[in-house]
Amino acid sequence: FLARVWDHEHDPDFEVTPEIVEDRLRINQVRADCIRALRREFGEAFTGGLAHTDYARRHFPDCLAPCAAMTSKRTYIDQVRQHPVCVATTGLNGSIGWKFGEYMALSRAVLSEQLGFQVPGRLNPGQNYLEFMSVDDCLEQACRLANNTDLLYQMMIANHEYFQSSLRPDVLVLNCLSQAV
């Protein structure tokens, strides 16, 4: 679970409204608390942490990734390939973000906060991902996957099939064109 946190005080691209501040503080806290809980439970078996930004160093120094290079795009994808279980948390504007699709593309088992948007194809909680509503839920679902290899492998297979049928770029474009015509 490699993630970043968002500066709740400054943003060169957006006006930081009270709603944005509240949203970013919640996002940041959930990510930091998930990292703390998963590290505590899984120790060395857990790979994760926050990108080494100035903001993360100031506000969440105990949650930083073990090394800054770990969160570079290339290293991040290599890390995803090496781990059967990946975590996605809600991002800005209620999105889950690109990493969820990357997990599907790499046939990973996924723990995710509740999806706030419709996605293409048939993506089902319990089959393609385990949903969590709190840090305790995240930890519980992570333990569930760690203790149930059948569920883990079935989810990985389901995500491979989902990617092939709904997210593979050529299929995604074809499905969009089919709906538009």
Protein backbone atom coordinates (compact mmCIF):
# COMPACT_ATOMS: atom_id res chain seq x y z
CA PHE A 1 0.00 0.00 0.00
CA LEU A 2 2.01 2.91 -1.35
CA ALA A 3 0.16 6.20 -1.33
CA ARG A 4 0.54 9.93 -1.04
CA VAL A 5 -1.07 12.49 1.21
CA TRP A 6 -2.47 15.82 0.11
CA ASP A 7 -1.53 19.23 1.44
CA HIS A 8 -4.67 20.59 3.03
CA GLU A 9 -3.35 24.16 3.26
CA HIS A 10 -1.87 24.90 -0.18
CA ASP A 11 -2.55 23.79 -3.72
CA PRO A 12 -1.21 25.64 -6.75
CA ASP A 13 -3.99 24.24 -8.96
CA PHE A 14 -7.10 24.65 -6.80
CA GLU A 15 -8.64 27.07 -4.37
CA VAL A 16 -8.49 25.28 -1.02
CA THR A 17 -12.02 25.58 0.32
CA PRO A 18 -13.16 24.37 3.75
CA GLU A 19 -14.71 21.33 2.02
CA ILE A 20 -11.42 20.50 0.29
CA VAL A 21 -9.55 20.88 3.59
CA GLU A 22 -11.95 18.48 5.31
CA ASP A 23 -11.77 15.96 2.44
CA ARG A 24 -7.97 16.00 2.33
CA LEU A 25 -7.61 15.69 6.08
CA ARG A 26 -9.90 12.63 6.04
CA ILE A 27 -8.09 11.03 3.08
CA ASN A 28 -4.71 11.60 4.72
CA GLN A 29 -5.81 10.23 8.08
CA VAL A 30 -7.32 7.07 6.61
CA ARG A 31 -4.18 6.38 4.59
CA ALA A 32 -1.87 6.96 7.54
CA ASP A 33 -4.02 4.89 9.90
CA CYS A 34 -4.26 2.01 7.41
CA ILE A 35 -0.47 2.01 7.03
CA ARG A 36 0.01 1.99 10.81
CA ALA A 37 -2.50 -0.84 11.33
CA LEU A 38 -1.17 -3.00 8.50
CA ARG A 39 2.44 -2.51 9.62
CA ARG A 40 1.50 -3.45 13.17
CA GLU A 41 -0.37 -6.59 12.06
CA PHE A 42 1.87 -7.87 9.26
CA GLY A 43 5.31 -6.51 10.18
CA GLU A 44 7.92 -7.27 7.51
CA ALA A 45 5.29 -8.97 5.32
CA PHE A 46 3.67 -5.57 4.74
CA THR A 47 5.10 -3.31 2.07
CA GLY A 48 3.81 0.21 2.16
CA GLY A 49 4.05 3.77 3.23
CA LEU A 50 3.62 7.32 2.09
CA ALA A 51 5.54 9.11 -0.64
CA HIS A 52 8.34 11.24 0.82
CA THR A 53 6.84 14.68 0.27
CA ASP A 54 7.55 17.66 2.51
CA TYR A 55 3.95 17.51 3.70
CA ALA A 56 4.17 13.78 4.58
CA ARG A 57 7.50 14.29 6.37
CA ARG A 58 5.95 17.06 8.50
CA HIS A 59 2.61 15.43 9.29
CA PHE A 60 3.15 11.63 9.05
CA PRO A 61 6.86 10.85 9.53
CA ASP A 62 6.06 7.44 11.03
CA CYS A 63 4.13 6.45 7.90
CA LEU A 64 6.74 7.18 5.23
CA ALA A 65 7.68 4.41 2.82
CA PRO A 66 10.92 2.69 3.89
CA CYS A 67 12.78 4.54 1.12
CA ALA A 68 11.77 7.45 -1.09
CA ALA A 69 12.49 5.60 -4.34
CA MET A 70 9.88 2.99 -3.45
CA THR A 71 7.06 5.33 -4.52
CA SER A 72 8.48 6.19 -7.94
CA LYS A 73 6.15 4.97 -10.71
CA ARG A 74 8.50 2.24 -11.96
CA THR A 75 9.30 0.89 -8.50
CA TYR A 76 5.64 1.13 -7.51
CA ILE A 77 4.54 -1.08 -10.43
CA ASP A 78 7.33 -3.57 -9.61
CA GLN A 79 6.09 -3.66 -6.00
CA VAL A 80 2.51 -4.31 -7.13
CA ARG A 81 3.71 -7.19 -9.30
CA GLN A 82 5.45 -8.76 -6.29
CA HIS A 83 2.49 -8.61 -3.91
CA PRO A 84 -0.76 -10.52 -4.31
CA VAL A 85 -2.81 -8.12 -2.15
CA CYS A 86 -3.07 -4.37 -2.75
CA VAL A 87 -4.97 -1.60 -0.97
CA ALA A 88 -6.90 1.29 -2.53
CA THR A 89 -8.30 4.17 -0.53
CA THR A 90 -10.58 6.97 -1.58
CA GLY A 91 -8.80 9.87 -3.21
CA LEU A 92 -9.67 13.41 -4.16
CA ASN A 93 -13.30 14.10 -5.00
CA GLY A 94 -14.37 10.65 -3.80
CA SER A 95 -12.38 8.81 -6.48
CA ILE A 96 -10.48 5.57 -6.01
CA GLY A 97 -7.96 6.50 -8.68
CA TRP A 98 -5.74 4.81 -11.23
CA LYS A 99 -4.15 2.36 -8.85
CA PHE A 100 -7.40 0.38 -8.63
CA GLY A 101 -7.27 -0.24 -12.40
CA GLU A 102 -3.56 -1.05 -12.18
CA TYR A 103 -4.34 -3.69 -9.56
CA MET A 104 -6.96 -5.19 -11.89
CA ALA A 105 -4.52 -5.13 -14.84
CA LEU A 106 -1.98 -7.04 -12.76
CA SER A 107 -4.58 -9.51 -11.39
CA ARG A 108 -4.06 -8.56 -7.76
CA ALA A 109 -6.46 -9.19 -4.90
CA VAL A 110 -7.77 -5.82 -3.75
CA LEU A 111 -8.90 -4.22 -0.51
CA SER A 112 -10.75 -1.01 -1.24
CA GLU A 113 -12.82 1.64 0.36
CA GLN A 114 -16.31 1.75 -1.07
CA LEU A 115 -16.33 2.79 -4.72
CA GLY A 116 -18.03 6.12 -5.23
CA PHE A 117 -18.39 5.88 -9.00
CA GLN A 118 -19.69 3.47 -11.58
CA VAL A 119 -17.04 1.42 -13.38
CA PRO A 120 -17.24 -0.42 -16.69
CA GLY A 121 -18.29 -4.06 -16.73
CA ARG A 122 -19.28 -6.27 -13.85
CA LEU A 123 -17.13 -5.50 -10.83
CA ASN A 124 -18.47 -7.00 -7.62
CA PRO A 125 -17.49 -6.47 -3.98
CA GLY A 126 -16.61 -9.82 -2.44
CA GLN A 127 -15.58 -11.23 -5.79
CA ASN A 128 -13.24 -8.63 -7.33
CA TYR A 129 -12.38 -6.75 -4.17
CA LEU A 130 -13.09 -6.72 -0.46
CA GLU A 131 -14.65 -3.49 0.65
CA PHE A 132 -13.80 -1.69 3.86
CA MET A 133 -15.47 1.22 5.60
CA SER A 134 -12.90 1.85 8.35
CA VAL A 135 -9.31 1.13 9.26
CA ASP A 136 -10.49 -1.78 11.43
CA ASP A 137 -12.42 -3.17 8.43
CA CYS A 138 -9.32 -2.82 6.27
CA LEU A 139 -7.27 -4.79 8.76
CA GLU A 140 -9.98 -7.43 9.13
CA GLN A 141 -10.25 -7.89 5.36
CA ALA A 142 -6.46 -8.05 5.00
CA CYS A 143 -6.36 -10.81 7.62
CA ARG A 144 -9.20 -12.57 5.83
CA LEU A 145 -7.17 -12.68 2.59
CA ALA A 146 -3.99 -13.65 4.42
CA ASN A 147 -5.78 -16.60 6.02
CA ASN A 148 -7.81 -17.74 3.01
CA THR A 149 -5.65 -18.57 -0.01
CA ASP A 150 -8.67 -19.91 -1.91
CA LEU A 151 -10.38 -16.51 -1.65
CA LEU A 152 -7.12 -14.78 -2.55
CA TYR A 153 -6.59 -16.84 -5.71
CA GLN A 154 -10.25 -16.69 -6.75
CA MET A 155 -10.11 -12.90 -6.50
CA MET A 156 -6.91 -12.75 -8.52
CA ILE A 157 -8.52 -14.91 -11.23
CA ALA A 158 -11.70 -12.80 -11.17
CA ASN A 159 -9.63 -9.64 -11.57
CA HIS A 160 -7.69 -11.09 -14.48
CA GLU A 161 -10.99 -11.94 -16.16
CA TYR A 162 -12.44 -8.51 -15.32
CA PHE A 163 -9.45 -6.74 -16.84
CA GLN A 164 -9.62 -8.88 -19.99
CA SER A 165 -13.36 -8.34 -20.45
CA SER A 166 -13.77 -4.73 -19.36
CA LEU A 167 -10.54 -2.75 -18.84
CA ARG A 168 -8.09 -3.94 -21.46
CA PRO A 169 -7.60 -0.81 -23.60
CA ASP A 170 -8.90 -2.26 -26.86
CA VAL A 171 -11.94 -3.77 -25.15
CA LEU A 172 -12.63 -0.55 -23.24
CA VAL A 173 -12.59 1.50 -26.45
CA LEU A 174 -14.76 -1.05 -28.26
CA ASN A 175 -17.30 -1.09 -25.42
CA CYS A 176 -17.41 2.74 -25.39
CA LEU A 177 -17.92 2.87 -29.14
CA SER A 178 -20.62 0.19 -28.96
CA GLN A 179 -22.53 2.20 -26.38
CA ALA A 180 -22.18 5.43 -28.36
CA VAL A 181 -23.48 3.93 -31.61
